[in-house]
Amino acid sequence: MKKLKLILATLTALLMVSACAIADKPNTRYLSGNWQIRTLNGEPTPDTSARIRFDPNTHQYYAFFGCNHIQGNYRDFRHTLHLSQPFGIDKMCANIEDERTGTGTLGFVNSWRIINDTTGVRLQLLDKQHYVRVEARLLKDADNEQH
C-alpha cells in the first residue's frame, strides 16, 4: 500500500511539473496567441506597439501597426495559411505608410511556423518562397493587449 501511495504521489508530481512546463508554450498545432511584431520583411518594425493576434475559435486575425486596429479572416490547414484582405482601415494617420507596409506584407503570407529556442517563442509568417515576412514574439499575459 505504501508503494502504491508513493507511486501515485510521484506520478502526480510529475504531471504537475510537466503541466507547468507546457503552460508557457503555445500549441504548435494551432495558430493562436498574441504576438508582438518585431520584423517586417527582415527589417525591424518602426512601431514597437505592432501586434498580431490569431483566434482559432473564430478564425479571425487582428493586427495593429501603430494606427488602425485591423482584422480579417484566416484559413489554416497544416501550417498553410491564407489571410483575407484586412478591414478596419478607417482613419489616416501620420504613420500610415508603416500600416500600409504591414498590411501589404500580410498579403504575401502563405505559411507559418513557431520556433522555441534560447531567444524565446517566435512566430514566423512566411511567403511562398519560405522567406520570413513577419517575425513576432509571444506576449506573456501581462503584456497582452487585446487589439
N, C-alpha and C. Protein backbone atom coordinates (compact mmCIF):
# COMPACT_ATOMS: atom_id res chain seq x y z
N MET A 1 0.82 -1.19 0.00
CA MET A 1 0.00 0.00 0.00
C MET A 1 0.87 1.26 0.00
N LYS A 2 1.95 1.22 0.79
CA LYS A 2 2.84 2.38 0.84
C LYS A 2 3.49 2.62 -0.52
N LYS A 3 3.85 1.54 -1.22
CA LYS A 3 4.45 1.68 -2.53
C LYS A 3 3.47 2.31 -3.51
N LEU A 4 2.20 1.92 -3.43
CA LEU A 4 1.18 2.47 -4.32
C LEU A 4 1.01 3.97 -4.07
N LYS A 5 0.97 4.37 -2.81
CA LYS A 5 0.86 5.78 -2.47
C LYS A 5 2.06 6.57 -2.97
N LEU A 6 3.24 6.00 -2.82
CA LEU A 6 4.45 6.65 -3.28
C LEU A 6 4.44 6.80 -4.81
N ILE A 7 4.02 5.75 -5.50
CA ILE A 7 3.94 5.81 -6.96
C ILE A 7 2.92 6.85 -7.40
N LEU A 8 1.76 6.87 -6.78
CA LEU A 8 0.73 7.86 -7.13
C LEU A 8 1.20 9.28 -6.85
N ALA A 9 1.87 9.49 -5.73
CA ALA A 9 2.38 10.82 -5.39
C ALA A 9 3.44 11.25 -6.40
N THR A 10 4.30 10.33 -6.79
CA THR A 10 5.34 10.64 -7.78
C THR A 10 4.72 10.98 -9.13
N LEU A 11 3.75 10.19 -9.56
CA LEU A 11 3.07 10.47 -10.83
C LEU A 11 2.36 11.82 -10.81
N THR A 12 1.71 12.13 -9.70
CA THR A 12 1.02 13.41 -9.57
C THR A 12 2.02 14.56 -9.66
N ALA A 13 3.14 14.43 -8.98
CA ALA A 13 4.16 15.48 -9.03
C ALA A 13 4.71 15.65 -10.45
N LEU A 14 4.97 14.55 -11.12
CA LEU A 14 5.46 14.62 -12.50
C LEU A 14 4.46 15.28 -13.43
N LEU A 15 3.20 14.96 -13.29
CA LEU A 15 2.16 15.57 -14.11
C LEU A 15 2.06 17.07 -13.86
N MET A 16 2.17 17.48 -12.60
CA MET A 16 2.09 18.90 -12.27
C MET A 16 3.29 19.66 -12.86
N VAL A 17 4.48 19.09 -12.77
CA VAL A 17 5.67 19.74 -13.32
C VAL A 17 5.58 19.85 -14.83
N SER A 18 5.15 18.78 -15.49
CA SER A 18 5.05 18.84 -16.95
C SER A 18 3.95 19.80 -17.39
N ALA A 19 2.87 19.91 -16.64
CA ALA A 19 1.81 20.85 -16.98
C ALA A 19 2.32 22.28 -16.89
N CYS A 20 3.13 22.58 -15.90
CA CYS A 20 3.70 23.93 -15.77
C CYS A 20 4.65 24.23 -16.91
N ALA A 21 5.43 23.25 -17.32
CA ALA A 21 6.39 23.46 -18.41
C ALA A 21 5.66 23.71 -19.72
N ILE A 22 4.54 23.05 -19.93
CA ILE A 22 3.79 23.19 -21.17
C ILE A 22 2.98 24.48 -21.19
N ALA A 23 2.59 25.00 -20.04
CA ALA A 23 1.70 26.15 -19.98
C ALA A 23 2.24 27.37 -20.70
N ASP A 24 3.56 27.59 -20.70
CA ASP A 24 4.14 28.77 -21.35
C ASP A 24 4.36 28.58 -22.84
N LYS A 25 4.22 27.37 -23.34
CA LYS A 25 4.48 27.12 -24.76
C LYS A 25 3.17 27.07 -25.53
N PRO A 26 3.11 27.73 -26.66
CA PRO A 26 1.87 27.66 -27.44
C PRO A 26 1.73 26.28 -28.07
N ASN A 27 0.51 25.91 -28.35
CA ASN A 27 0.25 24.66 -29.05
C ASN A 27 0.61 24.87 -30.51
N THR A 28 1.67 24.23 -30.97
CA THR A 28 2.16 24.49 -32.32
C THR A 28 1.32 23.82 -33.39
N ARG A 29 0.29 23.09 -32.99
CA ARG A 29 -0.63 22.53 -33.98
C ARG A 29 -1.61 23.59 -34.46
N TYR A 30 -1.82 24.63 -33.67
CA TYR A 30 -2.80 25.66 -34.00
C TYR A 30 -2.15 27.02 -34.00
N LEU A 31 -2.59 27.85 -34.90
CA LEU A 31 -2.12 29.23 -34.95
C LEU A 31 -2.97 30.01 -33.96
N SER A 32 -2.37 30.45 -32.88
CA SER A 32 -3.12 31.18 -31.86
C SER A 32 -2.16 32.05 -31.07
N GLY A 33 -2.73 32.91 -30.27
CA GLY A 33 -1.93 33.72 -29.37
C GLY A 33 -1.81 35.17 -29.78
N ASN A 34 -1.23 35.93 -28.89
CA ASN A 34 -0.97 37.35 -29.09
C ASN A 34 0.54 37.52 -29.27
N TRP A 35 0.91 38.23 -30.33
CA TRP A 35 2.31 38.32 -30.72
C TRP A 35 2.70 39.77 -30.96
N GLN A 36 3.87 40.16 -30.47
CA GLN A 36 4.44 41.47 -30.77
C GLN A 36 5.27 41.32 -32.03
N ILE A 37 4.91 42.10 -33.06
CA ILE A 37 5.63 42.02 -34.33
C ILE A 37 6.97 42.71 -34.16
N ARG A 38 8.04 41.99 -34.46
CA ARG A 38 9.40 42.52 -34.34
C ARG A 38 9.98 42.94 -35.67
N THR A 39 9.71 42.13 -36.73
CA THR A 39 10.26 42.47 -38.05
C THR A 39 9.21 42.29 -39.13
N LEU A 40 9.33 43.12 -40.15
CA LEU A 40 8.54 43.02 -41.38
C LEU A 40 9.52 42.96 -42.53
N ASN A 41 9.47 41.89 -43.31
CA ASN A 41 10.36 41.73 -44.46
C ASN A 41 11.84 41.84 -44.08
N GLY A 42 12.18 41.33 -42.91
CA GLY A 42 13.57 41.33 -42.46
C GLY A 42 14.04 42.62 -41.81
N GLU A 43 13.18 43.63 -41.75
CA GLU A 43 13.55 44.92 -41.15
C GLU A 43 12.81 45.09 -39.83
N PRO A 44 13.45 45.72 -38.83
CA PRO A 44 12.75 45.97 -37.57
C PRO A 44 11.51 46.84 -37.80
N THR A 45 10.45 46.55 -37.06
CA THR A 45 9.24 47.35 -37.19
C THR A 45 9.48 48.74 -36.62
N PRO A 46 8.98 49.77 -37.30
CA PRO A 46 9.18 51.13 -36.81
C PRO A 46 8.40 51.42 -35.53
N ASP A 47 7.30 50.71 -35.31
CA ASP A 47 6.46 50.94 -34.13
C ASP A 47 6.50 49.71 -33.24
N THR A 48 7.01 49.87 -32.02
CA THR A 48 7.15 48.73 -31.12
C THR A 48 5.81 48.24 -30.58
N SER A 49 4.73 48.96 -30.85
CA SER A 49 3.41 48.51 -30.40
C SER A 49 2.72 47.63 -31.45
N ALA A 50 3.41 47.32 -32.55
CA ALA A 50 2.82 46.49 -33.60
C ALA A 50 2.52 45.09 -33.05
N ARG A 51 1.31 44.62 -33.30
CA ARG A 51 0.84 43.35 -32.76
C ARG A 51 0.04 42.59 -33.81
N ILE A 52 -0.04 41.27 -33.60
CA ILE A 52 -0.95 40.44 -34.37
C ILE A 52 -1.47 39.35 -33.44
N ARG A 53 -2.74 39.05 -33.58
CA ARG A 53 -3.38 38.04 -32.74
C ARG A 53 -4.23 37.14 -33.62
N PHE A 54 -4.17 35.85 -33.36
CA PHE A 54 -4.96 34.87 -34.09
C PHE A 54 -5.92 34.18 -33.13
N ASP A 55 -7.19 34.13 -33.50
CA ASP A 55 -8.21 33.48 -32.69
C ASP A 55 -8.65 32.20 -33.40
N PRO A 56 -8.21 31.03 -32.91
CA PRO A 56 -8.54 29.78 -33.60
C PRO A 56 -10.02 29.41 -33.51
N ASN A 57 -10.75 30.02 -32.58
CA ASN A 57 -12.18 29.72 -32.44
C ASN A 57 -13.01 30.40 -33.53
N THR A 58 -12.66 31.63 -33.86
CA THR A 58 -13.43 32.39 -34.86
C THR A 58 -12.72 32.45 -36.20
N HIS A 59 -11.46 32.01 -36.25
CA HIS A 59 -10.62 32.09 -37.44
C HIS A 59 -10.50 33.54 -37.93
N GLN A 60 -10.32 34.43 -36.97
CA GLN A 60 -10.06 35.83 -37.30
C GLN A 60 -8.69 36.22 -36.77
N TYR A 61 -8.07 37.13 -37.52
CA TYR A 61 -6.82 37.71 -37.04
C TYR A 61 -7.05 39.19 -36.79
N TYR A 62 -6.28 39.74 -35.88
CA TYR A 62 -6.35 41.14 -35.51
C TYR A 62 -4.93 41.66 -35.54
N ALA A 63 -4.74 42.82 -36.13
CA ALA A 63 -3.39 43.37 -36.22
C ALA A 63 -3.42 44.86 -35.93
N PHE A 64 -2.29 45.35 -35.49
CA PHE A 64 -2.12 46.78 -35.20
C PHE A 64 -0.70 47.13 -35.60
N PHE A 65 -0.57 48.12 -36.48
CA PHE A 65 0.75 48.56 -36.93
C PHE A 65 1.04 50.00 -36.50
N GLY A 66 0.30 50.49 -35.50
CA GLY A 66 0.55 51.81 -34.96
C GLY A 66 -0.50 52.85 -35.29
N CYS A 67 -1.53 52.48 -36.04
CA CYS A 67 -2.54 53.45 -36.44
C CYS A 67 -3.94 52.87 -36.25
N ASN A 68 -4.39 52.07 -37.19
CA ASN A 68 -5.72 51.47 -37.13
C ASN A 68 -5.66 50.05 -36.57
N HIS A 69 -6.73 49.65 -35.92
CA HIS A 69 -6.88 48.27 -35.49
C HIS A 69 -7.58 47.55 -36.63
N ILE A 70 -6.88 46.63 -37.26
CA ILE A 70 -7.43 45.95 -38.42
C ILE A 70 -7.73 44.50 -38.08
N GLN A 71 -8.54 43.88 -38.90
CA GLN A 71 -8.84 42.47 -38.71
C GLN A 71 -9.24 41.85 -40.03
N GLY A 72 -9.26 40.54 -40.02
CA GLY A 72 -9.65 39.78 -41.20
C GLY A 72 -9.84 38.33 -40.80
N ASN A 73 -10.17 37.53 -41.76
CA ASN A 73 -10.34 36.10 -41.54
C ASN A 73 -9.09 35.36 -42.00
N TYR A 74 -8.91 34.17 -41.47
CA TYR A 74 -7.80 33.35 -41.95
C TYR A 74 -8.22 31.90 -42.04
N ARG A 75 -7.56 31.20 -42.95
CA ARG A 75 -7.70 29.75 -43.08
C ARG A 75 -6.32 29.15 -42.87
N ASP A 76 -6.28 28.13 -42.05
CA ASP A 76 -5.03 27.46 -41.73
C ASP A 76 -5.23 25.97 -41.90
N PHE A 77 -4.47 25.36 -42.79
CA PHE A 77 -4.52 23.93 -42.98
C PHE A 77 -3.10 23.40 -43.01
N ARG A 78 -2.73 22.70 -41.95
CA ARG A 78 -1.38 22.11 -41.83
C ARG A 78 -0.28 23.14 -42.08
N HIS A 79 -0.40 24.26 -41.43
CA HIS A 79 0.57 25.35 -41.47
C HIS A 79 0.58 26.12 -42.79
N THR A 80 -0.32 25.80 -43.70
CA THR A 80 -0.50 26.63 -44.89
C THR A 80 -1.56 27.65 -44.51
N LEU A 81 -1.30 28.90 -44.80
CA LEU A 81 -2.11 29.99 -44.27
C LEU A 81 -2.61 30.90 -45.38
N HIS A 82 -3.89 31.26 -45.30
CA HIS A 82 -4.45 32.27 -46.19
C HIS A 82 -5.11 33.33 -45.33
N LEU A 83 -4.65 34.56 -45.48
CA LEU A 83 -5.23 35.70 -44.76
C LEU A 83 -6.11 36.50 -45.72
N SER A 84 -7.32 36.82 -45.28
CA SER A 84 -8.18 37.66 -46.11
C SER A 84 -7.65 39.09 -46.11
N GLN A 85 -8.15 39.87 -47.02
CA GLN A 85 -7.81 41.29 -47.05
C GLN A 85 -8.26 41.91 -45.73
N PRO A 86 -7.42 42.67 -45.06
CA PRO A 86 -7.83 43.24 -43.77
C PRO A 86 -8.84 44.37 -43.95
N PHE A 87 -9.68 44.55 -42.95
CA PHE A 87 -10.58 45.69 -42.93
C PHE A 87 -10.43 46.40 -41.60
N GLY A 88 -10.95 47.60 -41.52
CA GLY A 88 -10.81 48.41 -40.31
C GLY A 88 -9.88 49.59 -40.50
N ILE A 89 -9.43 49.79 -41.73
CA ILE A 89 -8.56 50.93 -42.01
C ILE A 89 -9.49 52.10 -42.32
N ASP A 90 -9.76 52.90 -41.28
CA ASP A 90 -10.75 53.95 -41.45
C ASP A 90 -10.24 55.35 -41.15
N LYS A 91 -9.01 55.47 -40.70
CA LYS A 91 -8.50 56.82 -40.45
C LYS A 91 -7.09 56.96 -41.00
N MET A 92 -6.80 58.14 -41.44
CA MET A 92 -5.46 58.45 -41.92
C MET A 92 -4.63 58.88 -40.71
N CYS A 93 -3.42 58.41 -40.66
CA CYS A 93 -2.54 58.71 -39.54
C CYS A 93 -1.20 59.20 -40.07
N ALA A 94 -0.44 59.80 -39.20
CA ALA A 94 0.88 60.29 -39.58
C ALA A 94 1.77 59.15 -40.05
N ASN A 95 1.60 57.96 -39.46
CA ASN A 95 2.44 56.81 -39.80
C ASN A 95 1.69 55.82 -40.69
N ILE A 96 0.84 56.32 -41.57
CA ILE A 96 0.03 55.45 -42.43
C ILE A 96 0.90 54.58 -43.34
N GLU A 97 2.10 55.04 -43.69
CA GLU A 97 2.99 54.22 -44.52
C GLU A 97 3.43 52.96 -43.79
N ASP A 98 3.65 53.07 -42.48
CA ASP A 98 4.00 51.88 -41.70
C ASP A 98 2.86 50.87 -41.75
N GLU A 99 1.64 51.37 -41.65
CA GLU A 99 0.48 50.49 -41.71
C GLU A 99 0.34 49.85 -43.09
N ARG A 100 0.56 50.63 -44.12
CA ARG A 100 0.47 50.09 -45.47
C ARG A 100 1.53 49.01 -45.69
N THR A 101 2.72 49.23 -45.15
CA THR A 101 3.76 48.21 -45.25
C THR A 101 3.32 46.94 -44.53
N GLY A 102 2.79 47.10 -43.33
CA GLY A 102 2.34 45.95 -42.55
C GLY A 102 1.21 45.18 -43.22
N THR A 103 0.17 45.89 -43.64
CA THR A 103 -0.96 45.20 -44.27
C THR A 103 -0.55 44.61 -45.63
N GLY A 104 0.31 45.31 -46.35
CA GLY A 104 0.79 44.78 -47.63
C GLY A 104 1.61 43.52 -47.44
N THR A 105 2.42 43.49 -46.40
CA THR A 105 3.24 42.32 -46.10
C THR A 105 2.36 41.11 -45.78
N LEU A 106 1.25 41.32 -45.08
CA LEU A 106 0.36 40.22 -44.75
C LEU A 106 -0.20 39.55 -46.01
N GLY A 107 -0.30 40.32 -47.08
CA GLY A 107 -0.80 39.77 -48.34
C GLY A 107 0.11 38.73 -48.96
N PHE A 108 1.37 38.70 -48.58
CA PHE A 108 2.33 37.72 -49.12
C PHE A 108 2.40 36.43 -48.29
N VAL A 109 1.81 36.46 -47.10
CA VAL A 109 1.94 35.33 -46.18
C VAL A 109 1.25 34.09 -46.75
N ASN A 110 1.98 32.97 -46.65
CA ASN A 110 1.50 31.70 -47.20
C ASN A 110 1.57 30.55 -46.19
N SER A 111 2.42 30.69 -45.17
CA SER A 111 2.56 29.62 -44.18
C SER A 111 3.10 30.21 -42.88
N TRP A 112 3.18 29.37 -41.86
CA TRP A 112 3.66 29.83 -40.56
C TRP A 112 4.41 28.71 -39.85
N ARG A 113 5.22 29.13 -38.89
CA ARG A 113 5.89 28.18 -38.00
C ARG A 113 6.18 28.88 -36.68
N ILE A 114 6.29 28.08 -35.64
CA ILE A 114 6.63 28.59 -34.31
C ILE A 114 7.98 28.00 -33.94
N ILE A 115 8.87 28.87 -33.49
CA ILE A 115 10.21 28.47 -33.08
C ILE A 115 10.34 28.75 -31.60
N ASN A 116 10.80 27.77 -30.87
CA ASN A 116 11.01 27.92 -29.44
C ASN A 116 12.47 27.57 -29.16
N ASP A 117 13.29 28.62 -28.98
CA ASP A 117 14.71 28.40 -28.74
C ASP A 117 15.20 29.32 -27.65
N THR A 118 16.49 29.53 -27.57
CA THR A 118 17.06 30.34 -26.49
C THR A 118 16.62 31.80 -26.53
N THR A 119 16.16 32.27 -27.70
CA THR A 119 15.69 33.67 -27.79
C THR A 119 14.23 33.80 -27.41
N GLY A 120 13.54 32.70 -27.16
CA GLY A 120 12.14 32.73 -26.76
C GLY A 120 11.24 32.08 -27.80
N VAL A 121 9.95 32.29 -27.63
CA VAL A 121 8.95 31.73 -28.54
C VAL A 121 8.67 32.77 -29.62
N ARG A 122 8.89 32.37 -30.88
CA ARG A 122 8.70 33.29 -32.01
C ARG A 122 7.77 32.68 -33.04
N LEU A 123 6.96 33.53 -33.61
CA LEU A 123 6.10 33.15 -34.72
C LEU A 123 6.70 33.74 -35.99
N GLN A 124 6.81 32.91 -37.01
CA GLN A 124 7.28 33.39 -38.30
C GLN A 124 6.19 33.15 -39.33
N LEU A 125 5.84 34.20 -40.06
CA LEU A 125 4.89 34.11 -41.17
C LEU A 125 5.71 34.19 -42.44
N LEU A 126 5.59 33.19 -43.29
CA LEU A 126 6.45 33.06 -44.46
C LEU A 126 5.66 33.19 -45.76
N ASP A 127 6.37 33.59 -46.83
CA ASP A 127 5.74 33.65 -48.15
C ASP A 127 5.96 32.32 -48.88
N LYS A 128 5.56 32.25 -50.14
CA LYS A 128 5.65 31.00 -50.91
C LYS A 128 7.09 30.51 -51.06
N GLN A 129 8.05 31.43 -51.06
CA GLN A 129 9.46 31.04 -51.20
C GLN A 129 10.11 30.77 -49.83
N HIS A 130 9.30 30.73 -48.77
CA HIS A 130 9.74 30.48 -47.40
C HIS A 130 10.59 31.61 -46.82
N TYR A 131 10.43 32.81 -47.37
CA TYR A 131 11.09 33.99 -46.82
C TYR A 131 10.24 34.48 -45.65
N VAL A 132 10.88 34.80 -44.54
CA VAL A 132 10.16 35.26 -43.35
C VAL A 132 9.69 36.70 -43.59
N ARG A 133 8.40 36.87 -43.76
CA ARG A 133 7.81 38.20 -43.97
C ARG A 133 7.53 38.90 -42.66
N VAL A 134 7.10 38.14 -41.66
CA VAL A 134 6.78 38.70 -40.34
C VAL A 134 7.38 37.79 -39.29
N GLU A 135 8.06 38.41 -38.32
CA GLU A 135 8.52 37.65 -37.16
C GLU A 135 8.02 38.36 -35.92
N ALA A 136 7.46 37.59 -35.01
CA ALA A 136 6.87 38.17 -33.80
C ALA A 136 7.21 37.30 -32.60
N ARG A 137 7.20 37.90 -31.44
CA ARG A 137 7.46 37.14 -30.22
C ARG A 137 6.17 37.02 -29.43
N LEU A 138 6.01 35.88 -28.77
CA LEU A 138 4.83 35.62 -27.97
C LEU A 138 4.78 36.57 -26.78
N LEU A 139 3.63 37.17 -26.55
CA LEU A 139 3.46 38.06 -25.41
C LEU A 139 2.95 37.27 -24.22
N LYS A 140 3.49 37.57 -23.07
CA LYS A 140 3.01 36.98 -21.83
C LYS A 140 1.66 37.63 -21.51
N ASP A 141 0.87 37.01 -20.66
CA ASP A 141 -0.45 37.52 -20.33
C ASP A 141 -0.40 38.97 -19.84
N ALA A 142 0.60 39.31 -19.04
CA ALA A 142 0.70 40.67 -18.53
C ALA A 142 0.97 41.68 -19.65
N ASP A 143 1.63 41.24 -20.72
CA ASP A 143 1.94 42.12 -21.85
C ASP A 143 0.82 42.20 -22.87
N ASN A 144 -0.11 41.26 -22.80
CA ASN A 144 -1.15 41.18 -23.82
C ASN A 144 -2.06 42.39 -23.80
N GLU A 145 -2.30 42.89 -24.97
CA GLU A 145 -3.29 43.94 -25.15
C GLU A 145 -4.22 43.44 -26.22
N GLN A 146 -5.50 43.43 -25.96
CA GLN A 146 -6.46 42.96 -26.96
C GLN A 146 -6.65 44.04 -28.01
N HIS A 147 -6.16 43.79 -29.20
CA HIS A 147 -6.32 44.72 -30.31
C HIS A 147 -7.32 44.14 -31.27
